[in-house]
Each structure stands twice: as structure tokens, then as C-alpha cells.
C-alpha atoms as a PDB file:
ATOM      1  CA  PHE A   1      61.367  18.648  -9.496  1.00  0.00           C
ATOM      2  CA  LEU A   2      61.497  22.251 -10.717  1.00  0.00           C
ATOM      3  CA  ASN A   3      57.823  22.785  -9.872  1.00  0.00           C
ATOM      4  CA  ALA A   4      58.481  21.736  -6.269  1.00  0.00           C
ATOM      5  CA  LEU A   5      61.461  24.100  -5.998  1.00  0.00           C
ATOM      6  CA  GLN A   6      59.399  26.936  -7.484  1.00  0.00           C
ATOM      7  CA  GLN A   7      56.669  26.375  -4.902  1.00  0.00           C
ATOM      8  CA  LEU A   8      59.107  26.212  -1.992  1.00  0.00           C
ATOM      9  CA  LEU A   9      60.994  29.361  -3.054  1.00  0.00           C
ATOM     10  CA  ASP A  10      57.820  31.186  -4.092  1.00  0.00           C
ATOM     11  CA  THR A  11      59.228  32.222  -7.468  1.00  0.00           C
ATOM     12  CA  PRO A  12      59.800  30.755 -10.934  1.00  0.00           C
ATOM     13  CA  ASP A  13      63.059  32.718 -11.217  1.00  0.00           C
ATOM     14  CA  MET A  14      65.555  30.372  -9.605  1.00  0.00           C
ATOM     15  CA  HIS A  15      69.334  30.021  -9.506  1.00  0.00           C
ATOM     16  CA  TYR A  16      71.423  26.828  -9.304  1.00  0.00           C
ATOM     17  CA  HIS A  17      74.061  27.022  -6.577  1.00  0.00           C
ATOM     18  CA  HIS A  18      75.878  23.723  -6.704  1.00  0.00           C
ATOM     19  CA  GLY A  19      75.395  19.979  -6.840  1.00  0.00           C
ATOM     20  CA  PHE A  20      77.402  16.845  -6.280  1.00  0.00           C
ATOM     21  CA  VAL A  21      77.124  13.119  -5.626  1.00  0.00           C
ATOM     22  CA  TYR A  22      77.562  12.561  -1.887  1.00  0.00           C
ATOM     23  CA  VAL A  23      78.638   9.038  -0.913  1.00  0.00           C
ATOM     24  CA  ARG A  24      79.239   7.601   2.553  1.00  0.00           C
ATOM     25  CA  SER A  25      80.557   4.146   3.409  1.00  0.00           C
ATOM     26  CA  GLY A  26      79.859   2.364   6.689  1.00  0.00           C
ATOM     27  CA  ARG A  27      83.381   0.988   7.055  1.00  0.00           C
ATOM     28  CA  MET A  28      85.036   4.363   6.467  1.00  0.00           C
ATOM     29  CA  ASP A  29      82.558   6.749   8.094  1.00  0.00           C
ATOM     30  CA  ARG A  30      83.945   8.500  11.172  1.00  0.00           C
ATOM     31  CA  ARG A  31      82.067  11.819  11.216  1.00  0.00           C
ATOM     32  CA  THR A  32      78.672  10.901  12.642  1.00  0.00           C
ATOM     33  CA  PRO A  33      77.447  11.826  16.151  1.00  0.00           C
ATOM     34  CA  SER A  34      77.266   9.185  18.854  1.00  0.00           C
ATOM     35  CA  GLU A  35      74.395  10.760  20.837  1.00  0.00           C
ATOM     36  CA  PRO A  36      70.875  11.238  19.396  1.00  0.00           C
ATOM     37  CA  GLY A  37      70.593  14.974  20.162  1.00  0.00           C
ATOM     38  CA  THR A  38      74.023  15.984  18.912  1.00  0.00           C
ATOM     39  CA  GLY A  39      75.472  16.756  15.505  1.00  0.00           C
ATOM     40  CA  PHE A  40      72.592  18.996  14.405  1.00  0.00           C
ATOM     41  CA  HIS A  41      73.673  21.948  12.299  1.00  0.00           C
ATOM     42  CA  LEU A  42      72.668  24.369   9.553  1.00  0.00           C
ATOM     43  CA  ASP A  43      74.421  24.421   6.209  1.00  0.00           C
ATOM     44  CA  TRP A  44      75.936  27.813   5.546  1.00  0.00           C
ATOM     45  CA  ALA A  45      76.015  30.234   2.650  1.00  0.00           C
ATOM     46  CA  LYS A  46      79.114  31.737   1.066  1.00  0.00           C
ATOM     47  CA  PRO A  47      78.904  35.211   2.734  1.00  0.00           C
ATOM     48  CA  LEU A  48      78.830  33.473   6.166  1.00  0.00           C
ATOM     49  CA  PHE A  49      75.562  35.170   7.127  1.00  0.00           C
ATOM     50  CA  PRO A  50      73.414  33.944  10.002  1.00  0.00           C
ATOM     51  CA  PRO A  51      70.026  32.651   8.801  1.00  0.00           C
ATOM     52  CA  HIS A  52      67.811  35.552   7.731  1.00  0.00           C
ATOM     53  CA  PRO A  53      64.273  35.699   9.210  1.00  0.00           C
ATOM     54  CA  ASN A  54      62.864  35.656   5.657  1.00  0.00           C
ATOM     55  CA  TRP A  55      63.900  32.083   4.863  1.00  0.00           C
ATOM     56  CA  GLN A  56      62.274  31.899   1.405  1.00  0.00           C
ATOM     57  CA  ARG A  57      63.861  35.060   0.064  1.00  0.00           C
ATOM     58  CA  TYR A  58      67.276  34.859   1.694  1.00  0.00           C
ATOM     59  CA  GLY A  59      67.704  31.115   2.094  1.00  0.00           C
ATOM     60  CA  HIS A  60      67.981  28.263  -0.355  1.00  0.00           C
ATOM     61  CA  ILE A  61      66.454  24.834  -0.824  1.00  0.00           C
ATOM     62  CA  GLN A  62      68.500  21.672  -0.542  1.00  0.00           C
ATOM     63  CA  ALA A  63      67.322  18.642  -2.494  1.00  0.00           C
ATOM     64  CA  TRP A  64      68.526  15.096  -2.075  1.00  0.00           C
ATOM     65  CA  VAL A  65      67.752  12.483  -4.706  1.00  0.00           C
ATOM     66  CA  LEU A  66      68.327   9.081  -3.086  1.00  0.00           C
ATOM     67  CA  LEU A  67      70.474   6.916  -5.366  1.00  0.00           C
ATOM     68  CA  ASN A  68      70.016   3.751  -3.327  1.00  0.00           C
ATOM     69  CA  ASP A  69      67.445   2.474  -0.831  1.00  0.00           C
ATOM     70  CA  ILE A  70      68.049   4.094   2.557  1.00  0.00           C
ATOM     71  CA  ASP A  71      66.591   2.488   5.668  1.00  0.00           C
ATOM     72  CA  GLU A  72      67.312   2.758   9.395  1.00  0.00           C
ATOM     73  CA  ASP A  73      70.581   0.793   9.016  1.00  0.00           C
ATOM     74  CA  CYS A  74      71.897   2.984   6.191  1.00  0.00           C
ATOM     75  CA  ALA A  75      72.837   6.222   8.023  1.00  0.00           C
ATOM     76  CA  PRO A  76      69.631   8.173   7.325  1.00  0.00           C
ATOM     77  CA  VAL A  77      69.691  11.911   7.933  1.00  0.00           C
ATOM     78  CA  ARG A  78      67.485  13.335  10.711  1.00  0.00           C
ATOM     79  CA  LEU A  79      65.963  16.795  10.488  1.00  0.00           C
ATOM     80  CA  ILE A  80      63.494  18.923  12.432  1.00  0.00           C
ATOM     81  CA  PRO A  81      60.510  19.893  10.249  1.00  0.00           C
ATOM     82  CA  GLY A  82      59.024  23.360  10.583  1.00  0.00           C
ATOM     83  CA  MET A  83      61.962  24.814  12.491  1.00  0.00           C
ATOM     84  CA  HIS A  84      63.285  26.634   9.404  1.00  0.00           C
ATOM     85  CA  SER A  85      60.592  29.330   9.663  1.00  0.00           C
ATOM     86  CA  LYS A  86      61.513  30.004  13.321  1.00  0.00           C
ATOM     87  CA  MET A  87      65.299  29.843  13.051  1.00  0.00           C
ATOM     88  CA  GLY A  88      65.855  33.605  13.215  1.00  0.00           C
ATOM     89  CA  GLU A  89      63.715  33.800  16.336  1.00  0.00           C
ATOM     90  CA  VAL A  90      65.504  30.827  17.885  1.00  0.00           C
ATOM     91  CA  LEU A  91      68.988  32.216  17.259  1.00  0.00           C
ATOM     92  CA  ARG A  92      68.070  35.628  18.671  1.00  0.00           C
ATOM     93  CA  GLU A  93      66.779  33.923  21.811  1.00  0.00           C
ATOM     94  CA  ILE A  94      69.829  31.737  22.422  1.00  0.00           C
ATOM     95  CA  GLY A  95      72.346  34.377  21.265  1.00  0.00           C
ATOM     96  CA  HIS A  96      74.235  31.925  19.080  1.00  0.00           C
ATOM     97  CA  SER A  97      77.579  33.267  17.856  1.00  0.00           C
ATOM     98  CA  GLY A  98      78.187  31.008  14.908  1.00  0.00           C
ATOM     99  CA  ARG A  99      80.351  33.016  12.488  1.00  0.00           C
ATOM    100  CA  GLY A 100      78.375  31.402   9.681  1.00  0.00           C
ATOM    101  CA  ALA A 101      78.737  27.777  10.810  1.00  0.00           C
ATOM    102  CA  TYR A 102      75.820  26.945  13.102  1.00  0.00           C
ATOM    103  CA  ARG A 103      76.104  23.800  15.184  1.00  0.00           C
ATOM    104  CA  PHE A 104      74.075  22.921  18.261  1.00  0.00           C
ATOM    105  CA  ASP A 105      75.664  21.025  21.159  1.00  0.00           C
ATOM    106  CA  ASP A 106      72.320  19.437  22.054  1.00  0.00           C
ATOM    107  CA  ILE A 107      69.292  20.146  19.879  1.00  0.00           C
ATOM    108  CA  ARG A 108      66.997  19.033  22.710  1.00  0.00           C
ATOM    109  CA  LYS A 109      67.965  22.191  24.632  1.00  0.00           C
ATOM    110  CA  VAL A 110      67.132  24.549  21.746  1.00  0.00           C
ATOM    111  CA  PRO A 111      63.758  26.335  22.129  1.00  0.00           C
ATOM    112  CA  HIS A 112      60.871  25.765  19.685  1.00  0.00           C
ATOM    113  CA  ASN A 113      62.153  22.250  19.117  1.00  0.00           C
ATOM    114  CA  ARG A 114      60.076  19.502  17.511  1.00  0.00           C
ATOM    115  CA  ASP A 115      60.902  15.825  17.420  1.00  0.00           C
ATOM    116  CA  PRO A 116      63.463  15.016  14.712  1.00  0.00           C
ATOM    117  CA  VAL A 117      62.255  12.998  11.736  1.00  0.00           C
ATOM    118  CA  THR A 118      64.387  10.205  10.302  1.00  0.00           C
ATOM    119  CA  ILE A 119      64.457  10.293   6.492  1.00  0.00           C
ATOM    120  CA  THR A 120      64.283   6.890   4.833  1.00  0.00           C
ATOM    121  CA  GLY A 121      63.147   6.009   1.328  1.00  0.00           C
ATOM    122  CA  ASN A 122      63.616   4.015  -1.837  1.00  0.00           C
ATOM    123  CA  ALA A 123      66.044   4.913  -4.601  1.00  0.00           C
ATOM    124  CA  GLY A 124      64.591   7.787  -6.611  1.00  0.00           C
ATOM    125  CA  SER A 125      62.869   9.417  -3.636  1.00  0.00           C
ATOM    126  CA  VAL A 126      63.519  13.139  -3.170  1.00  0.00           C
ATOM    127  CA  LEU A 127      63.962  15.123   0.038  1.00  0.00           C
ATOM    128  CA  PHE A 128      63.493  18.908  -0.060  1.00  0.00           C
ATOM    129  CA  TYR A 129      64.376  21.080   2.933  1.00  0.00           C
ATOM    130  CA  SER A 130      65.276  24.682   3.667  1.00  0.00           C
ATOM    131  CA  SER A 131      68.884  25.587   4.418  1.00  0.00           C
ATOM    132  CA  HIS A 132      67.493  26.972   7.715  1.00  0.00           C
ATOM    133  CA  THR A 133      66.497  23.445   8.852  1.00  0.00           C
ATOM    134  CA  PRO A 134      68.651  21.799  11.565  1.00  0.00           C
ATOM    135  CA  HIS A 135      69.705  18.336  10.461  1.00  0.00           C
ATOM    136  CA  ALA A 136      72.223  15.675  11.462  1.00  0.00           C
ATOM    137  CA  ALA A 137      73.867  12.642   9.936  1.00  0.00           C
ATOM    138  CA  GLN A 138      73.377   9.273  11.599  1.00  0.00           C
ATOM    139  CA  PRO A 139      75.906   6.476  12.015  1.00  0.00           C
ATOM    140  CA  PHE A 140      75.657   3.269  10.004  1.00  0.00           C
ATOM    141  CA  ALA A 141      73.910   0.555  12.005  1.00  0.00           C
ATOM    142  CA  ASP A 142      75.238  -1.875   9.395  1.00  0.00           C
ATOM    143  CA  PRO A 143      78.888  -1.069   8.533  1.00  0.00           C
ATOM    144  CA  ASP A 144      78.651  -3.050   5.302  1.00  0.00           C
ATOM    145  CA  ARG A 145      76.192  -0.543   3.827  1.00  0.00           C
ATOM    146  CA  GLN A 146      76.847   2.504   1.665  1.00  0.00           C
ATOM    147  CA  ARG A 147      74.670   5.558   1.083  1.00  0.00           C
ATOM    148  CA  ALA A 148      74.633   7.722  -2.035  1.00  0.00           C
ATOM    149  CA  VAL A 149      72.576  10.824  -2.811  1.00  0.00           C
ATOM    150  CA  LEU A 150      72.558  13.378  -5.601  1.00  0.00           C
ATOM    151  CA  PHE A 151      72.617  16.726  -3.809  1.00  0.00           C
ATOM    152  CA  PHE A 152      71.390  20.045  -5.238  1.00  0.00           C
ATOM    153  CA  ALA A 153      71.207  23.542  -3.717  1.00  0.00           C
ATOM    154  CA  VAL A 154      68.887  26.039  -5.438  1.00  0.00           C
ATOM    155  CA  GLY A 155      67.829  29.554  -4.405  1.00  0.00           C
ATOM    156  CA  ARG A 156      66.036  32.605  -5.743  1.00  0.00           C
ATOM    157  CA  ARG A 157      67.801  34.403  -8.564  1.00  0.00           C
ATOM    158  CA  ASP A 158      67.096  37.891  -7.164  1.00  0.00           C
ATOM    159  CA  THR A 159      69.001  37.128  -3.947  1.00  0.00           C
ATOM    160  CA  CYS A 160      71.501  34.531  -5.175  1.00  0.00           C
ATOM    161  CA  ALA A 161      74.453  36.832  -4.495  1.00  0.00           C
ATOM    162  CA  TRP A 162      73.726  36.575  -0.766  1.00  0.00           C
ATOM    163  CA  THR A 163      72.546  32.984  -0.498  1.00  0.00           C
ATOM    164  CA  LEU A 164      74.904  31.276  -2.945  1.00  0.00           C
ATOM    165  CA  THR A 165      76.509  28.278  -1.309  1.00  0.00           C
ATOM    166  CA  GLU A 166      80.116  27.340  -1.765  1.00  0.00           C
ATOM    167  CA  LYS A 167      81.897  24.559   0.071  1.00  0.00           C
ATOM    168  CA  ARG A 168      84.756  26.404   1.746  1.00  0.00           C
ATOM    169  CA  ASP A 169      87.458  24.572   3.636  1.00  0.00           C
ATOM    170  CA  ILE A 170      86.746  24.604   7.379  1.00  0.00           C
ATOM    171  CA  GLN A 171      90.119  26.203   8.167  1.00  0.00           C
ATOM    172  CA  GLU A 172      89.386  28.970   5.682  1.00  0.00           C
ATOM    173  CA  ARG A 173      86.064  29.640   7.431  1.00  0.00           C
ATOM    174  CA  LYS A 174      87.818  29.885  10.787  1.00  0.00           C
ATOM    175  CA  ARG A 175      90.168  32.524   9.396  1.00  0.00           C
ATOM    176  CA  LEU A 176      87.532  34.383   7.400  1.00  0.00           C
ATOM    177  CA  GLY A 177      85.046  34.776  10.275  1.00  0.00           C
ATOM    178  CA  PRO A 178      87.209  37.057  12.488  1.00  0.00           C
ATOM    179  CA  PHE A 179      88.312  38.995   9.402  1.00  0.00           C
ATOM    180  CA  LEU A 180      84.728  39.706   8.332  1.00  0.00           C
ATOM    181  CA  ALA A 181      83.883  40.873  11.843  1.00  0.00           C
ATOM    182  CA  LYS A 182      86.579  43.576  11.859  1.00  0.00           C
ATOM    183  CA  THR A 183      86.847  44.741   8.254  1.00  0.00           C
ATOM    184  CA  SER A 184      84.822  47.429   6.482  1.00  0.00           C
ATOM    185  CA  ALA A 185      81.427  47.162   4.815  1.00  0.00           C
ATOM    186  CA  ARG A 186      83.112  47.805   1.475  1.00  0.00           C
ATOM    187  CA  VAL A 187      85.481  44.880   1.920  1.00  0.00           C
ATOM    188  CA  ARG A 188      82.656  42.601   3.125  1.00  0.00           C
ATOM    189  CA  SER A 189      80.829  43.331  -0.121  1.00  0.00           C
ATOM    190  CA  LEU A 190      83.659  41.541  -1.954  1.00  0.00           C
ATOM    191  CA  PHE A 191      82.626  38.377  -0.100  1.00  0.00           C
ATOM    192  CA  GLY A 192      78.935  38.661  -0.970  1.00  0.00           C
ATOM    193  CA  TRP A 193      77.525  40.987   1.706  1.00  0.00           C
ATOM    194  CA  PRO A 194      75.041  43.611   0.427  1.00  0.00           C
ATOM    195  CA  MET A 195      76.144  47.214   0.804  1.00  0.00           C
ATOM    196  CA  PRO A 196      74.668  49.293   3.666  1.00  0.00           C
ATOM    197  CA  GLY A 197      71.149  50.491   2.935  1.00  0.00           C
ATOM    198  CA  ASP A 198      70.020  47.268   1.262  1.00  0.00           C
ATOM    199  CA  GLU A 199      66.594  45.899   2.281  1.00  0.00           C
ATOM    200  CA  PHE A 200      68.385  42.788   3.519  1.00  0.00           C
ATOM    201  CA  TYR A 201      69.301  44.607   6.737  1.00  0.00           C
ATOM    202  CA  THR A 202      66.059  44.480   8.692  1.00  0.00           C
ATOM    203  CA  PRO A 203      66.243  45.067  12.473  1.00  0.00           C
ATOM    204  CA  ALA A 204      65.866  41.322  13.097  1.00  0.00           C
ATOM    205  CA  ALA A 205      68.588  40.492  10.570  1.00  0.00           C
ATOM    206  CA  LEU A 206      70.935  43.049  12.137  1.00  0.00           C
ATOM    207  CA  GLU A 207      70.394  41.513  15.555  1.00  0.00           C
ATOM    208  CA  LEU A 208      71.302  38.091  14.188  1.00  0.00           C
ATOM    209  CA  ILE A 209      74.419  39.472  12.492  1.00  0.00           C
ATOM    210  CA  HIS A 210      75.499  41.164  15.709  1.00  0.00           C
ATOM    211  CA  ASN A 211      75.001  37.890  17.618  1.00  0.00           C
ATOM    212  CA  ALA A 212      77.108  36.058  15.065  1.00  0.00           C
ATOM    213  CA  TYR A 213      79.812  38.747  14.943  1.00  0.00           C
ATOM    214  CA  PRO A 214      79.915  40.573  18.312  1.00  0.00           C
ATOM    215  CA  GLU A 215      82.918  42.667  17.191  1.00  0.00           C
ATOM    216  CA  ILE A 216      81.167  44.086  14.117  1.00  0.00           C
ATOM    217  CA  ASP A 217      80.266  47.795  13.872  1.00  0.00           C
ATOM    218  CA  ILE A 218      76.571  47.254  13.223  1.00  0.00           C
ATOM    219  CA  GLY A 219      76.071  51.009  12.829  1.00  0.00           C
ATOM    220  CA  ASP A 220      77.404  50.769   9.270  1.00  0.00           C
ATOM    221  CA  TYR A 221      74.231  48.894   8.315  1.00  0.00           C
ATOM    222  CA  GLN A 222      71.563  50.649  10.388  1.00  0.00           C
END
């Protein structure tokens, strides 16, 4: 498990972000999309950054250990392989203003798209994917089923301050996004943003930040 994470992050120096047991029940589940191309999103990091073009250094890996057998009837997740390495390019092209929470109305209309893959497997199987990978939950075809996974998020230690995930309440994110757009660089640093001058702020990264926060004074970071 650790060897796979080390290979994916390209470093042995890794940092644990968070983990939890994630359980869904067919008779109680109400959050899944009804159309096949909808519901795709990216999981977000605590500073509410858009995905950085350097996904290995400034992203994190999400790992699911399946705790029960998951087949087509058991609400398998769907994801788009390979898109993580192009996400910065994709977001610059579509001008997505996500304020840190990236959701796509219809993934079939997003450029550089590949066919989604449905993830099924036996208990004990492990799924690794980059936090830059669009993915979507599926509804239960059999409402009597349940699905349980052990979820981990792990990133590089040298950039963990800027990729560390934290499950914020959605209302808090809605309030924090406009605040981050209008406050100072010094105040943003309290929420995990690097100070101006850091190597994080490449021209491509700055363009993505400006797309996500149109009101921001990007000159502070140039």
C-alpha cells in the first residue's frame, strides 16, 4: 500500500491527510446523479485552490479499500482515467470559476474527455486515484445493498500545507470563497495559501487561481 503511494507521489516522504469509513445505503441514498454524464467533480483541498498543473507535487492521492464486494448494482464510483494530468489545461480552457469546489454540469462537454470507467471489485481491492481526477457516485441499482469503503488521502510531506484535505461544511465553503477572493495575501496564508514569491505560483497556476477567483488581485503573487 505504501509502496504504491510512494510511486504515485514520486517520493518516499509522505503525509497522511485524513481517513474515514464511508458507508452508503441503497434505501437511504439520495445524493447520486440521475444522468450518466452528471455529478462528476473534483475533491478539494483545505486552502480551496484550483488544481495545480503539477498534480504529483501539489495534489494528493485518494485510496479506497473496498470493505465489501462492489458490483454494478452496488453504487460503484465512476472516474475518468488519465484526466488528472490534464486538469489544469482543461480548467484554463473552459474558464471554470469553482472557488475550490469543482463540479461539472455535464462531463461529456468537457474537453480532453475519455470514457468514464466504472470501478467494481471484491472486498479487499484497492482503488488509487489523483485528487485531480473527475469522479462521480452512482445510484444503487439494488436498493437493498450497502457499500462500505475505507478512505485515505495522502500527499507529499513537502507540500502538505497546501494540499492537506479537510472536510469543511459546504456552507462554510460558500462563505469562505468570496472572503478569500477579496482579502490580503497575508490573511490567505492563515488558510494555507503560500506567501507571494513561492514556487507554487507558476504562470499556469496563477491563471487557474484567477479563473477560480475573478475578484482576486493576482498582482500580489506575480
